[in-house]
Amino acid sequence: MLTAEERMELDILAKHGAKIRELAKLTGRSRNTVRRYRREGEAAARRKPAPKRPEKLDRFKDYVVERVAAAAPDRIPATVLYREIAARGYDGGITRLKQFLRGLVPAAAPEPVVRFETEPGRQMQADWANVGRGGDKLKVFIATLGWSRAAYVEFCDDERIETLIRCHENAFHAFGGVPHEVLYDNMRTVVIERNTYGRGLHRFHAGFLDYARHARVLPRLCQPYRAQTKGKVERFIGYLKRSFWVPFVASMRQAGLKPDKHAANAAVTRWLRDVANARVHATTREVPLERLAIEATKLQHLHAPYAGRSARSLQSASAPPRPAILGYQHPLSVYDEIVVAGGGA
C-alpha cells in the first residue's frame, strides 16, 4: 500500500517523464506496485464524474436569481422568496433555499435591539422612515401596538403635521381604538424642544398637542439619542423594508412600473393582513392579529373626527386669555392634562 507521500512522489516523477522501471528504482517499490498504481490513477482520471442528481429547487433557481438581482443592492429575505416559490409549486424546504442564497449574497449580522413590555392597550410606538431612492423616495409612517405587536403602515409624500394627524387617525381606526400613550423619538411635528420648561416638560408642536388632547392620548418621548428605546417600531421598520418594500419594488421594476404611494399603500394593506400581522411574532411567539383581539378591548373608544383646530385658535377664542408660557401659546392647563416623562423607556 502506497503512502500519500509516495503517491505524490510517483505523480510528480511521472509528470516529468519517468517510466515504470525508473519509478520503481527511485521509490524502492516493485514495478508491479508502481504499474498497478499508475493504471488505477489513469483509469480514475478517465472516469466521468457521476451526474448530479436533480433537486427540487433547480427549476426555481433562475427565478430566485432574477429576484435577487432586481432587488439589489437590497435583499429579499429567504422567508419571502420561500413563499413566492412555494406559490409556484416548490415543495422543498427553506433550508436548501437559504443555502443557495448564501452563495448569492453575504449574510448580514442583525443589530441588537432594546425592548420593554407594556400592558395591553397602554402604548403605541410611532415613527417615520424613508424608503426608496431618488425619484422613488417616499415617507412611511409606522405604528406598532406595544403588547400585541399589531402594526399599521402608511406611505406618504411628506411629514407635515396634517399628514401625521391623518396617519394617527387611520392607525387608530385600523386597531379599533386609541392607546393611552404614544412613544416618539424627535419628530419635529411632535416636539419642538425638550425640557424647555423643566426636566420632562417639553415644548410640543401646537397643532399636534391640540390633536393629542382631542384624541385623549398622552405623547411620550424616548430617551434622547436612544431611538432604540422604541425597539418595537424600530425593529418593525427593518422588517418592513426587507419583507415588503424590497420585494415590492423588485416586482414593480420587473413589471416596468414605478413604485408610488398609491400602489405601495394598496400592496402594504394586503401584506399587513396576510403576512406581518398574521405571522408568529419572533418575540411574543404569538400572532399579532390574535393578540390584537385582546388588546383592542383595552383601547380607548375611537374619538370623533378631528376638526383640525389649532391650540392657538382655541386660546384666542377664549375670554379672558390665560397667561402664556415663555412665548409658547399654550395655557398651563394643557400641561396639567398632558405631562410627558423624558425617559419613556
C-alpha atoms as a PDB file:
ATOM      1  CA  MET A   1       0.000   0.000   0.000  1.00  0.00           C
ATOM      2  CA  LEU A   2       1.486   3.316  -1.058  1.00  0.00           C
ATOM      3  CA  THR A   3       1.580   6.184   1.400  1.00  0.00           C
ATOM      4  CA  ALA A   4       0.280   9.620   0.486  1.00  0.00           C
ATOM      5  CA  GLU A   5       3.840  10.914   0.187  1.00  0.00           C
ATOM      6  CA  GLU A   6       4.822   8.036  -2.121  1.00  0.00           C
ATOM      7  CA  ARG A   7       1.768   8.586  -4.330  1.00  0.00           C
ATOM      8  CA  MET A   8       2.597  12.260  -4.607  1.00  0.00           C
ATOM      9  CA  GLU A   9       6.228  11.458  -5.442  1.00  0.00           C
ATOM     10  CA  LEU A  10       5.169   8.991  -8.146  1.00  0.00           C
ATOM     11  CA  ASP A  11       2.811  11.538  -9.699  1.00  0.00           C
ATOM     12  CA  ILE A  12       5.493  14.231  -9.820  1.00  0.00           C
ATOM     13  CA  LEU A  13       8.110  11.896 -11.307  1.00  0.00           C
ATOM     14  CA  ALA A  14       5.639  10.548 -13.869  1.00  0.00           C
ATOM     15  CA  LYS A  15       4.794  14.095 -14.974  1.00  0.00           C
ATOM     16  CA  HIS A  16       8.499  14.596 -15.650  1.00  0.00           C
ATOM     17  CA  GLY A  17       8.554  11.569 -17.973  1.00  0.00           C
ATOM     18  CA  ALA A  18       9.894   8.808 -15.688  1.00  0.00           C
ATOM     19  CA  LYS A  19       8.966   5.275 -16.831  1.00  0.00           C
ATOM     20  CA  ILE A  20       7.802   2.321 -14.699  1.00  0.00           C
ATOM     21  CA  ARG A  21      11.338   0.852 -14.286  1.00  0.00           C
ATOM     22  CA  GLU A  22      12.802   4.223 -13.265  1.00  0.00           C
ATOM     23  CA  LEU A  23       9.889   4.943 -10.913  1.00  0.00           C
ATOM     24  CA  ALA A  24      10.357   1.596  -9.174  1.00  0.00           C
ATOM     25  CA  LYS A  25      14.069   2.241  -8.744  1.00  0.00           C
ATOM     26  CA  LEU A  26      13.607   5.790  -7.435  1.00  0.00           C
ATOM     27  CA  THR A  27      10.862   4.890  -4.955  1.00  0.00           C
ATOM     28  CA  GLY A  28      12.115   1.485  -3.881  1.00  0.00           C
ATOM     29  CA  ARG A  29       8.798  -0.141  -4.828  1.00  0.00           C
ATOM     30  CA  SER A  30       8.334  -3.099  -7.144  1.00  0.00           C
ATOM     31  CA  ARG A  31       7.489  -2.469 -10.759  1.00  0.00           C
ATOM     32  CA  ASN A  32       4.133  -4.285 -10.331  1.00  0.00           C
ATOM     33  CA  THR A  33       3.170  -1.974  -7.442  1.00  0.00           C
ATOM     34  CA  VAL A  34       4.105   1.108  -9.435  1.00  0.00           C
ATOM     35  CA  ARG A  35       2.385  -0.223 -12.568  1.00  0.00           C
ATOM     36  CA  ARG A  36      -0.827  -1.002 -10.629  1.00  0.00           C
ATOM     37  CA  TYR A  37      -0.882   2.460  -9.053  1.00  0.00           C
ATOM     38  CA  ARG A  38      -0.318   4.199 -12.394  1.00  0.00           C
ATOM     39  CA  ARG A  39      -3.018   2.075 -14.063  1.00  0.00           C
ATOM     40  CA  GLU A  40      -5.563   2.913 -11.309  1.00  0.00           C
ATOM     41  CA  GLY A  41      -4.683   6.593 -11.470  1.00  0.00           C
ATOM     42  CA  GLU A  42      -5.133   6.789 -15.228  1.00  0.00           C
ATOM     43  CA  ALA A  43      -8.465   4.950 -15.011  1.00  0.00           C
ATOM     44  CA  ALA A  44      -9.665   7.365 -12.327  1.00  0.00           C
ATOM     45  CA  ALA A  45      -8.656  10.333 -14.488  1.00  0.00           C
ATOM     46  CA  ARG A  46     -10.625   8.946 -17.440  1.00  0.00           C
ATOM     47  CA  ARG A  47     -13.673   8.136 -15.296  1.00  0.00           C
ATOM     48  CA  LYS A  48     -16.504  10.631 -15.777  1.00  0.00           C
ATOM     49  CA  PRO A  49     -17.948  12.156 -12.630  1.00  0.00           C
ATOM     50  CA  ALA A  50     -21.351  10.860 -11.612  1.00  0.00           C
ATOM     51  CA  PRO A  51     -24.148  13.056 -12.949  1.00  0.00           C
ATOM     52  CA  LYS A  52     -25.581  15.450 -10.384  1.00  0.00           C
ATOM     53  CA  ARG A  53     -28.943  14.338  -9.085  1.00  0.00           C
ATOM     54  CA  PRO A  54     -31.714  16.848  -9.799  1.00  0.00           C
ATOM     55  CA  GLU A  55     -33.105  18.645  -6.754  1.00  0.00           C
ATOM     56  CA  LYS A  56     -36.442  20.287  -6.082  1.00  0.00           C
ATOM     57  CA  LEU A  57     -35.002  23.797  -6.148  1.00  0.00           C
ATOM     58  CA  ASP A  58     -33.397  23.503  -9.596  1.00  0.00           C
ATOM     59  CA  ARG A  59     -36.305  24.799 -11.674  1.00  0.00           C
ATOM     60  CA  PHE A  60     -36.774  27.767  -9.316  1.00  0.00           C
ATOM     61  CA  LYS A  61     -33.142  28.912  -9.187  1.00  0.00           C
ATOM     62  CA  ASP A  62     -33.426  31.226 -12.204  1.00  0.00           C
ATOM     63  CA  TYR A  63     -36.471  32.883 -10.620  1.00  0.00           C
ATOM     64  CA  VAL A  64     -34.609  33.356  -7.318  1.00  0.00           C
ATOM     65  CA  VAL A  65     -31.552  34.794  -9.078  1.00  0.00           C
ATOM     66  CA  GLU A  66     -33.729  37.254 -11.027  1.00  0.00           C
ATOM     67  CA  ARG A  67     -35.497  38.374  -7.840  1.00  0.00           C
ATOM     68  CA  VAL A  68     -32.205  38.874  -6.023  1.00  0.00           C
ATOM     69  CA  ALA A  69     -30.790  40.860  -8.961  1.00  0.00           C
ATOM     70  CA  ALA A  70     -33.924  43.020  -9.237  1.00  0.00           C
ATOM     71  CA  ALA A  71     -33.759  43.904  -5.530  1.00  0.00           C
ATOM     72  CA  ALA A  72     -30.018  44.705  -5.483  1.00  0.00           C
ATOM     73  CA  PRO A  73     -28.402  46.327  -3.592  1.00  0.00           C
ATOM     74  CA  ASP A  74     -31.138  45.486  -1.075  1.00  0.00           C
ATOM     75  CA  ARG A  75     -32.016  41.949  -0.079  1.00  0.00           C
ATOM     76  CA  ILE A  76     -35.240  39.955  -0.159  1.00  0.00           C
ATOM     77  CA  PRO A  77     -35.426  37.658   2.915  1.00  0.00           C
ATOM     78  CA  ALA A  78     -35.400  33.915   2.384  1.00  0.00           C
ATOM     79  CA  THR A  79     -38.837  33.667   4.023  1.00  0.00           C
ATOM     80  CA  VAL A  80     -40.320  35.959   1.382  1.00  0.00           C
ATOM     81  CA  LEU A  81     -38.691  34.121  -1.513  1.00  0.00           C
ATOM     82  CA  TYR A  82     -39.795  30.810   0.006  1.00  0.00           C
ATOM     83  CA  ARG A  83     -43.435  31.976  -0.002  1.00  0.00           C
ATOM     84  CA  GLU A  84     -43.104  33.123  -3.608  1.00  0.00           C
ATOM     85  CA  ILE A  85     -41.625  29.901  -4.994  1.00  0.00           C
ATOM     86  CA  ALA A  86     -43.952  27.772  -2.850  1.00  0.00           C
ATOM     87  CA  ALA A  87     -46.852  29.521  -4.580  1.00  0.00           C
ATOM     88  CA  ARG A  88     -45.234  28.472  -7.865  1.00  0.00           C
ATOM     89  CA  GLY A  89     -45.024  24.795  -6.950  1.00  0.00           C
ATOM     90  CA  TYR A  90     -41.843  24.417  -4.894  1.00  0.00           C
ATOM     91  CA  ASP A  91     -42.403  21.695  -2.281  1.00  0.00           C
ATOM     92  CA  GLY A  92     -38.910  21.553  -0.825  1.00  0.00           C
ATOM     93  CA  GLY A  93     -37.627  23.050   2.417  1.00  0.00           C
ATOM     94  CA  ILE A  94     -36.484  26.572   3.214  1.00  0.00           C
ATOM     95  CA  THR A  95     -33.086  25.306   4.418  1.00  0.00           C
ATOM     96  CA  ARG A  96     -31.993  24.404   0.882  1.00  0.00           C
ATOM     97  CA  LEU A  97     -33.165  27.810  -0.336  1.00  0.00           C
ATOM     98  CA  LYS A  98     -31.113  29.544   2.373  1.00  0.00           C
ATOM     99  CA  GLN A  99     -28.046  27.522   1.362  1.00  0.00           C
ATOM    100  CA  PHE A 100     -28.500  28.621  -2.240  1.00  0.00           C
ATOM    101  CA  LEU A 101     -28.972  32.264  -1.228  1.00  0.00           C
ATOM    102  CA  ARG A 102     -25.778  32.216   0.821  1.00  0.00           C
ATOM    103  CA  GLY A 103     -23.916  31.661  -2.417  1.00  0.00           C
ATOM    104  CA  LEU A 104     -25.540  34.761  -3.923  1.00  0.00           C
ATOM    105  CA  VAL A 105     -25.425  37.322  -1.099  1.00  0.00           C
ATOM    106  CA  PRO A 106     -23.401  37.550   2.115  1.00  0.00           C
ATOM    107  CA  ALA A 107     -25.237  37.191   5.410  1.00  0.00           C
ATOM    108  CA  ALA A 108     -25.663  40.349   7.482  1.00  0.00           C
ATOM    109  CA  ALA A 109     -25.358  40.365  11.261  1.00  0.00           C
ATOM    110  CA  PRO A 110     -28.554  41.576  12.971  1.00  0.00           C
ATOM    111  CA  GLU A 111     -28.347  44.727  15.086  1.00  0.00           C
ATOM    112  CA  PRO A 112     -29.163  44.390  18.792  1.00  0.00           C
ATOM    113  CA  VAL A 113     -32.491  45.962  19.746  1.00  0.00           C
ATOM    114  CA  VAL A 114     -33.557  47.019  23.250  1.00  0.00           C
ATOM    115  CA  ARG A 115     -37.251  46.365  24.034  1.00  0.00           C
ATOM    116  CA  PHE A 116     -39.540  46.759  27.001  1.00  0.00           C
ATOM    117  CA  GLU A 117     -43.018  45.407  27.598  1.00  0.00           C
ATOM    118  CA  THR A 118     -46.271  47.254  28.332  1.00  0.00           C
ATOM    119  CA  GLU A 119     -49.701  46.001  29.320  1.00  0.00           C
ATOM    120  CA  PRO A 120     -52.479  45.684  26.685  1.00  0.00           C
ATOM    121  CA  GLY A 121     -53.873  48.991  25.470  1.00  0.00           C
ATOM    122  CA  ARG A 122     -51.204  51.096  27.160  1.00  0.00           C
ATOM    123  CA  GLN A 123     -48.770  52.121  24.445  1.00  0.00           C
ATOM    124  CA  MET A 124     -48.284  52.572  20.720  1.00  0.00           C
ATOM    125  CA  GLN A 125     -44.871  53.357  19.241  1.00  0.00           C
ATOM    126  CA  ALA A 126     -44.753  55.546  16.135  1.00  0.00           C
ATOM    127  CA  ASP A 127     -42.058  56.778  13.782  1.00  0.00           C
ATOM    128  CA  TRP A 128     -41.269  57.969  10.270  1.00  0.00           C
ATOM    129  CA  ALA A 129     -38.926  56.162   7.905  1.00  0.00           C
ATOM    130  CA  ASN A 130     -37.597  56.852   4.414  1.00  0.00           C
ATOM    131  CA  VAL A 131     -37.770  54.276   1.631  1.00  0.00           C
ATOM    132  CA  GLY A 132     -36.708  54.311  -1.987  1.00  0.00           C
ATOM    133  CA  ARG A 133     -34.067  56.330  -3.779  1.00  0.00           C
ATOM    134  CA  GLY A 134     -34.091  59.410  -5.988  1.00  0.00           C
ATOM    135  CA  GLY A 135     -37.462  59.977  -7.604  1.00  0.00           C
ATOM    136  CA  ASP A 136     -38.869  56.835  -5.972  1.00  0.00           C
ATOM    137  CA  LYS A 137     -38.265  58.132  -2.441  1.00  0.00           C
ATOM    138  CA  LEU A 138     -41.272  58.061  -0.089  1.00  0.00           C
ATOM    139  CA  LYS A 139     -42.019  58.726   3.566  1.00  0.00           C
ATOM    140  CA  VAL A 140     -43.613  55.930   5.533  1.00  0.00           C
ATOM    141  CA  PHE A 141     -45.484  56.184   8.829  1.00  0.00           C
ATOM    142  CA  ILE A 142     -45.227  53.112  11.044  1.00  0.00           C
ATOM    143  CA  ALA A 143     -47.227  52.447  14.209  1.00  0.00           C
ATOM    144  CA  THR A 144     -46.929  49.354  16.399  1.00  0.00           C
ATOM    145  CA  LEU A 145     -49.024  48.486  19.444  1.00  0.00           C
ATOM    146  CA  GLY A 146     -46.727  47.585  22.328  1.00  0.00           C
ATOM    147  CA  TRP A 147     -48.487  44.497  23.655  1.00  0.00           C
ATOM    148  CA  SER A 148     -49.953  42.781  20.588  1.00  0.00           C
ATOM    149  CA  ARG A 149     -47.241  43.961  18.136  1.00  0.00           C
ATOM    150  CA  ALA A 150     -50.040  44.669  15.630  1.00  0.00           C
ATOM    151  CA  ALA A 151     -48.715  47.146  13.057  1.00  0.00           C
ATOM    152  CA  TYR A 152     -50.101  49.857  10.783  1.00  0.00           C
ATOM    153  CA  VAL A 153     -48.193  51.315   7.803  1.00  0.00           C
ATOM    154  CA  GLU A 154     -48.967  54.245   5.513  1.00  0.00           C
ATOM    155  CA  PHE A 155     -46.820  55.620   2.671  1.00  0.00           C
ATOM    156  CA  CYS A 156     -46.846  59.405   2.255  1.00  0.00           C
ATOM    157  CA  ASP A 157     -45.233  62.230   0.291  1.00  0.00           C
ATOM    158  CA  ASP A 158     -44.304  64.354   3.316  1.00  0.00           C
ATOM    159  CA  GLU A 159     -44.142  64.518   7.128  1.00  0.00           C
ATOM    160  CA  ARG A 160     -46.282  67.613   7.668  1.00  0.00           C
ATOM    161  CA  ILE A 161     -48.439  67.923  10.792  1.00  0.00           C
ATOM    162  CA  GLU A 162     -51.620  67.388   8.750  1.00  0.00           C
ATOM    163  CA  THR A 163     -50.153  64.178   7.342  1.00  0.00           C
ATOM    164  CA  LEU A 164     -49.047  62.981  10.779  1.00  0.00           C
ATOM    165  CA  ILE A 165     -52.503  63.564  12.278  1.00  0.00           C
ATOM    166  CA  ARG A 166     -54.193  61.769   9.362  1.00  0.00           C
ATOM    167  CA  CYS A 167     -51.878  58.782   9.819  1.00  0.00           C
ATOM    168  CA  HIS A 168     -52.717  58.630  13.537  1.00  0.00           C
ATOM    169  CA  GLU A 169     -56.439  58.725  12.767  1.00  0.00           C
ATOM    170  CA  ASN A 170     -56.065  55.914  10.229  1.00  0.00           C
ATOM    171  CA  ALA A 171     -53.919  53.822  12.602  1.00  0.00           C
ATOM    172  CA  PHE A 172     -56.437  54.144  15.454  1.00  0.00           C
ATOM    173  CA  HIS A 173     -59.266  53.050  13.156  1.00  0.00           C
ATOM    174  CA  ALA A 174     -57.179  50.109  11.923  1.00  0.00           C
ATOM    175  CA  PHE A 175     -56.533  48.997  15.516  1.00  0.00           C
ATOM    176  CA  GLY A 176     -60.131  49.576  16.575  1.00  0.00           C
ATOM    177  CA  GLY A 177     -59.301  52.033  19.364  1.00  0.00           C
ATOM    178  CA  VAL A 178     -56.890  54.547  20.844  1.00  0.00           C
ATOM    179  CA  PRO A 179     -53.958  53.632  23.125  1.00  0.00           C
ATOM    180  CA  HIS A 180     -53.411  55.638  26.302  1.00  0.00           C
ATOM    181  CA  GLU A 181     -49.979  56.871  25.196  1.00  0.00           C
ATOM    182  CA  VAL A 182     -47.779  57.038  22.100  1.00  0.00           C
ATOM    183  CA  LEU A 183     -43.976  56.908  22.219  1.00  0.00           C
ATOM    184  CA  TYR A 184     -41.996  59.100  19.802  1.00  0.00           C
ATOM    185  CA  ASP A 185     -38.380  59.986  19.122  1.00  0.00           C
ATOM    186  CA  ASN A 186     -37.647  63.558  17.974  1.00  0.00           C
ATOM    187  CA  MET A 187     -40.333  64.218  15.337  1.00  0.00           C
ATOM    188  CA  ARG A 188     -40.295  67.955  14.630  1.00  0.00           C
ATOM    189  CA  THR A 189     -44.072  67.818  14.193  1.00  0.00           C
ATOM    190  CA  VAL A 190     -44.388  66.369  17.710  1.00  0.00           C
ATOM    191  CA  VAL A 191     -41.735  68.046  19.880  1.00  0.00           C
ATOM    192  CA  ILE A 192     -40.001  71.341  19.123  1.00  0.00           C
ATOM    193  CA  GLU A 193     -37.639  71.384  22.101  1.00  0.00           C
ATOM    194  CA  ARG A 194     -37.043  69.036  25.032  1.00  0.00           C
ATOM    195  CA  ASN A 195     -37.085  70.140  28.677  1.00  0.00           C
ATOM    196  CA  THR A 196     -37.992  73.739  27.765  1.00  0.00           C
ATOM    197  CA  TYR A 197     -39.953  74.314  30.949  1.00  0.00           C
ATOM    198  CA  GLY A 198     -38.030  71.948  33.226  1.00  0.00           C
ATOM    199  CA  ARG A 199     -36.998  68.334  33.184  1.00  0.00           C
ATOM    200  CA  GLY A 200     -39.668  66.286  31.435  1.00  0.00           C
ATOM    201  CA  LEU A 201     -41.667  69.381  30.383  1.00  0.00           C
ATOM    202  CA  HIS A 202     -41.151  69.696  26.663  1.00  0.00           C
ATOM    203  CA  ARG A 203     -42.160  72.278  24.100  1.00  0.00           C
ATOM    204  CA  PHE A 204     -44.583  70.442  21.857  1.00  0.00           C
ATOM    205  CA  HIS A 205     -45.832  71.373  18.410  1.00  0.00           C
ATOM    206  CA  ALA A 206     -49.007  73.429  18.921  1.00  0.00           C
ATOM    207  CA  GLY A 207     -51.138  71.616  16.376  1.00  0.00           C
ATOM    208  CA  PHE A 208     -50.052  68.171  17.484  1.00  0.00           C
ATOM    209  CA  LEU A 209     -50.632  68.915  21.169  1.00  0.00           C
ATOM    210  CA  ASP A 210     -54.161  70.048  20.369  1.00  0.00           C
ATOM    211  CA  TYR A 211     -54.742  66.815  18.468  1.00  0.00           C
ATOM    212  CA  ALA A 212     -53.373  64.767  21.381  1.00  0.00           C
ATOM    213  CA  ARG A 213     -55.894  66.431  23.690  1.00  0.00           C
ATOM    214  CA  HIS A 214     -58.683  65.711  21.204  1.00  0.00           C
ATOM    215  CA  ALA A 215     -57.655  62.043  20.849  1.00  0.00           C
ATOM    216  CA  ARG A 216     -57.135  61.637  24.618  1.00  0.00           C
ATOM    217  CA  VAL A 217     -53.650  60.231  24.060  1.00  0.00           C
ATOM    218  CA  LEU A 218     -50.525  61.053  26.059  1.00  0.00           C
ATOM    219  CA  PRO A 219     -47.426  61.737  23.918  1.00  0.00           C
ATOM    220  CA  ARG A 220     -44.217  60.417  25.442  1.00  0.00           C
ATOM    221  CA  LEU A 221     -40.637  60.795  24.280  1.00  0.00           C
ATOM    222  CA  CYS A 222     -37.982  58.127  24.267  1.00  0.00           C
ATOM    223  CA  GLN A 223     -34.611  58.888  25.783  1.00  0.00           C
ATOM    224  CA  PRO A 224     -32.506  61.384  23.778  1.00  0.00           C
ATOM    225  CA  TYR A 225     -30.156  59.758  21.229  1.00  0.00           C
ATOM    226  CA  ARG A 226     -31.625  56.380  22.144  1.00  0.00           C
ATOM    227  CA  ALA A 227     -34.032  55.702  19.285  1.00  0.00           C
ATOM    228  CA  GLN A 228     -33.861  52.003  20.070  1.00  0.00           C
ATOM    229  CA  THR A 229     -35.847  52.544  23.255  1.00  0.00           C
ATOM    230  CA  LYS A 230     -38.626  52.426  20.645  1.00  0.00           C
ATOM    231  CA  GLY A 231     -37.406  48.917  19.947  1.00  0.00           C
ATOM    232  CA  LYS A 232     -40.715  47.506  18.723  1.00  0.00           C
ATOM    233  CA  VAL A 233     -41.271  50.069  15.970  1.00  0.00           C
ATOM    234  CA  GLU A 234     -37.545  50.293  15.140  1.00  0.00           C
ATOM    235  CA  ARG A 235     -37.417  46.541  14.632  1.00  0.00           C
ATOM    236  CA  PHE A 236     -40.580  46.610  12.549  1.00  0.00           C
ATOM    237  CA  ILE A 237     -39.145  49.297  10.242  1.00  0.00           C
ATOM    238  CA  GLY A 238     -36.298  46.956   9.328  1.00  0.00           C
ATOM    239  CA  TYR A 239     -38.727  44.080   8.843  1.00  0.00           C
ATOM    240  CA  LEU A 240     -40.977  46.251   6.640  1.00  0.00           C
ATOM    241  CA  LYS A 241     -38.092  47.247   4.377  1.00  0.00           C
ATOM    242  CA  ARG A 242     -36.784  43.708   3.983  1.00  0.00           C
ATOM    243  CA  SER A 243     -40.007  41.746   3.808  1.00  0.00           C
ATOM    244  CA  PHE A 244     -42.278  44.208   1.990  1.00  0.00           C
ATOM    245  CA  TRP A 245     -40.573  47.208   0.389  1.00  0.00           C
ATOM    246  CA  VAL A 246     -37.648  45.470  -1.328  1.00  0.00           C
ATOM    247  CA  PRO A 247     -39.775  42.642  -2.848  1.00  0.00           C
ATOM    248  CA  PHE A 248     -42.469  45.181  -3.806  1.00  0.00           C
ATOM    249  CA  VAL A 249     -40.021  47.446  -5.629  1.00  0.00           C
ATOM    250  CA  ALA A 250     -38.422  44.452  -7.341  1.00  0.00           C
ATOM    251  CA  SER A 251     -41.852  43.351  -8.610  1.00  0.00           C
ATOM    252  CA  MET A 252     -42.646  46.850  -9.866  1.00  0.00           C
ATOM    253  CA  ARG A 253     -39.309  47.054 -11.681  1.00  0.00           C
ATOM    254  CA  GLN A 254     -39.868  43.664 -13.309  1.00  0.00           C
ATOM    255  CA  ALA A 255     -43.286  44.875 -14.486  1.00  0.00           C
ATOM    256  CA  GLY A 256     -41.760  48.102 -15.845  1.00  0.00           C
ATOM    257  CA  LEU A 257     -43.691  50.228 -13.328  1.00  0.00           C
ATOM    258  CA  LYS A 258     -42.630  52.996 -10.954  1.00  0.00           C
ATOM    259  CA  PRO A 259     -43.472  52.465  -7.276  1.00  0.00           C
ATOM    260  CA  ASP A 260     -45.654  55.241  -5.842  1.00  0.00           C
ATOM    261  CA  LYS A 261     -47.551  55.752  -2.598  1.00  0.00           C
ATOM    262  CA  HIS A 262     -50.885  54.609  -4.046  1.00  0.00           C
ATOM    263  CA  ALA A 263     -49.553  51.272  -5.270  1.00  0.00           C
ATOM    264  CA  ALA A 264     -47.484  50.858  -2.097  1.00  0.00           C
ATOM    265  CA  ASN A 265     -50.457  51.514   0.217  1.00  0.00           C
ATOM    266  CA  ALA A 266     -52.675  49.086  -1.684  1.00  0.00           C
ATOM    267  CA  ALA A 267     -49.999  46.404  -1.511  1.00  0.00           C
ATOM    268  CA  VAL A 268     -48.986  47.035   2.109  1.00  0.00           C
ATOM    269  CA  THR A 269     -52.604  46.693   3.272  1.00  0.00           C
ATOM    270  CA  ARG A 270     -52.662  43.143   1.935  1.00  0.00           C
ATOM    271  CA  TRP A 271     -49.181  42.449   3.310  1.00  0.00           C
ATOM    272  CA  LEU A 272     -50.166  43.595   6.805  1.00  0.00           C
ATOM    273  CA  ARG A 273     -53.281  41.439   6.731  1.00  0.00           C
ATOM    274  CA  ASP A 274     -51.777  38.304   5.208  1.00  0.00           C
ATOM    275  CA  VAL A 275     -48.155  38.398   6.375  1.00  0.00           C
ATOM    276  CA  ALA A 276     -46.968  40.884   9.004  1.00  0.00           C
ATOM    277  CA  ASN A 277     -49.930  40.738  11.380  1.00  0.00           C
ATOM    278  CA  ALA A 278     -50.665  37.094  10.590  1.00  0.00           C
ATOM    279  CA  ARG A 279     -47.202  35.672  11.284  1.00  0.00           C
ATOM    280  CA  VAL A 280     -45.992  34.209  14.563  1.00  0.00           C
ATOM    281  CA  HIS A 281     -44.048  37.083  16.116  1.00  0.00           C
ATOM    282  CA  ALA A 282     -40.444  36.251  16.981  1.00  0.00           C
ATOM    283  CA  THR A 283     -40.658  37.816  20.451  1.00  0.00           C
ATOM    284  CA  THR A 284     -44.179  37.015  21.659  1.00  0.00           C
ATOM    285  CA  ARG A 285     -44.383  33.658  19.846  1.00  0.00           C
ATOM    286  CA  GLU A 286     -47.988  34.544  19.080  1.00  0.00           C
ATOM    287  CA  VAL A 287     -49.884  36.013  16.110  1.00  0.00           C
ATOM    288  CA  PRO A 288     -50.301  39.830  16.350  1.00  0.00           C
ATOM    289  CA  LEU A 289     -53.875  39.733  14.972  1.00  0.00           C
ATOM    290  CA  GLU A 290     -54.889  37.222  17.630  1.00  0.00           C
ATOM    291  CA  ARG A 291     -53.330  39.340  20.375  1.00  0.00           C
ATOM    292  CA  LEU A 292     -54.951  42.468  18.894  1.00  0.00           C
ATOM    293  CA  ALA A 293     -58.373  40.921  19.536  1.00  0.00           C
ATOM    294  CA  ILE A 294     -57.457  41.001  23.238  1.00  0.00           C
ATOM    295  CA  GLU A 295     -55.653  44.345  23.228  1.00  0.00           C
ATOM    296  CA  ALA A 296     -58.499  46.095  21.397  1.00  0.00           C
ATOM    297  CA  THR A 297     -60.727  45.563  24.444  1.00  0.00           C
ATOM    298  CA  LYS A 298     -58.272  47.652  26.480  1.00  0.00           C
ATOM    299  CA  LEU A 299     -58.005  50.528  23.994  1.00  0.00           C
ATOM    300  CA  GLN A 300     -59.951  53.750  24.431  1.00  0.00           C
ATOM    301  CA  HIS A 301     -63.010  54.259  22.247  1.00  0.00           C
ATOM    302  CA  LEU A 302     -62.477  55.936  18.895  1.00  0.00           C
ATOM    303  CA  HIS A 303     -62.985  59.692  19.039  1.00  0.00           C
ATOM    304  CA  ALA A 304     -64.978  61.905  16.695  1.00  0.00           C
ATOM    305  CA  PRO A 305     -63.157  63.029  13.537  1.00  0.00           C
ATOM    306  CA  TYR A 306     -60.606  65.727  14.289  1.00  0.00           C
ATOM    307  CA  ALA A 307     -61.746  69.165  13.106  1.00  0.00           C
ATOM    308  CA  GLY A 308     -58.213  70.419  12.561  1.00  0.00           C
ATOM    309  CA  ARG A 309     -58.360  73.184  15.160  1.00  0.00           C
ATOM    310  CA  SER A 310     -55.071  74.541  16.456  1.00  0.00           C
ATOM    311  CA  ALA A 311     -54.228  75.266  20.072  1.00  0.00           C
ATOM    312  CA  ARG A 312     -53.562  78.897  19.111  1.00  0.00           C
ATOM    313  CA  SER A 313     -57.056  79.397  17.687  1.00  0.00           C
ATOM    314  CA  LEU A 314     -58.598  77.780  20.744  1.00  0.00           C
ATOM    315  CA  GLN A 315     -56.763  80.151  23.048  1.00  0.00           C
ATOM    316  CA  SER A 316     -57.594  83.288  21.030  1.00  0.00           C
ATOM    317  CA  ALA A 317     -61.286  82.360  21.111  1.00  0.00           C
ATOM    318  CA  SER A 318     -61.349  82.045  24.890  1.00  0.00           C
ATOM    319  CA  ALA A 319     -62.008  85.054  27.146  1.00  0.00           C
ATOM    320  CA  PRO A 320     -60.170  86.185  29.068  1.00  0.00           C
ATOM    321  CA  PRO A 321     -56.924  84.612  27.720  1.00  0.00           C
ATOM    322  CA  ARG A 322     -54.752  82.738  30.200  1.00  0.00           C
ATOM    323  CA  PRO A 323     -51.078  83.578  30.738  1.00  0.00           C
ATOM    324  CA  ALA A 324     -48.761  82.058  28.136  1.00  0.00           C
ATOM    325  CA  ILE A 325     -45.613  80.124  28.977  1.00  0.00           C
ATOM    326  CA  LEU A 326     -42.406  81.840  27.856  1.00  0.00           C
ATOM    327  CA  GLY A 327     -43.614  82.703  24.374  1.00  0.00           C
ATOM    328  CA  TYR A 328     -45.389  79.403  23.800  1.00  0.00           C
ATOM    329  CA  GLN A 329     -49.096  79.862  23.191  1.00  0.00           C
ATOM    330  CA  HIS A 330     -50.449  77.102  25.430  1.00  0.00           C
ATOM    331  CA  PRO A 331     -52.254  77.680  28.745  1.00  0.00           C
ATOM    332  CA  LEU A 332     -50.833  75.984  31.828  1.00  0.00           C
ATOM    333  CA  SER A 333     -53.878  73.726  31.970  1.00  0.00           C
ATOM    334  CA  VAL A 334     -52.586  71.934  28.883  1.00  0.00           C
ATOM    335  CA  TYR A 335     -49.636  70.691  30.889  1.00  0.00           C
ATOM    336  CA  ASP A 336     -51.888  69.662  33.746  1.00  0.00           C
ATOM    337  CA  GLU A 337     -53.554  67.248  31.349  1.00  0.00           C
ATOM    338  CA  ILE A 338     -50.508  66.154  29.371  1.00  0.00           C
ATOM    339  CA  VAL A 339     -47.318  65.618  31.313  1.00  0.00           C
ATOM    340  CA  VAL A 340     -44.566  63.841  29.468  1.00  0.00           C
ATOM    341  CA  ALA A 341     -41.778  61.940  31.169  1.00  0.00           C
ATOM    342  CA  GLY A 342     -38.433  62.365  29.477  1.00  0.00           C
ATOM    343  CA  GLY A 343     -37.308  58.768  29.940  1.00  0.00           C
ATOM    344  CA  GLY A 344     -40.017  56.941  28.006  1.00  0.00           C
ATOM    345  CA  ALA A 345     -38.200  53.595  28.148  1.00  0.00           C
END
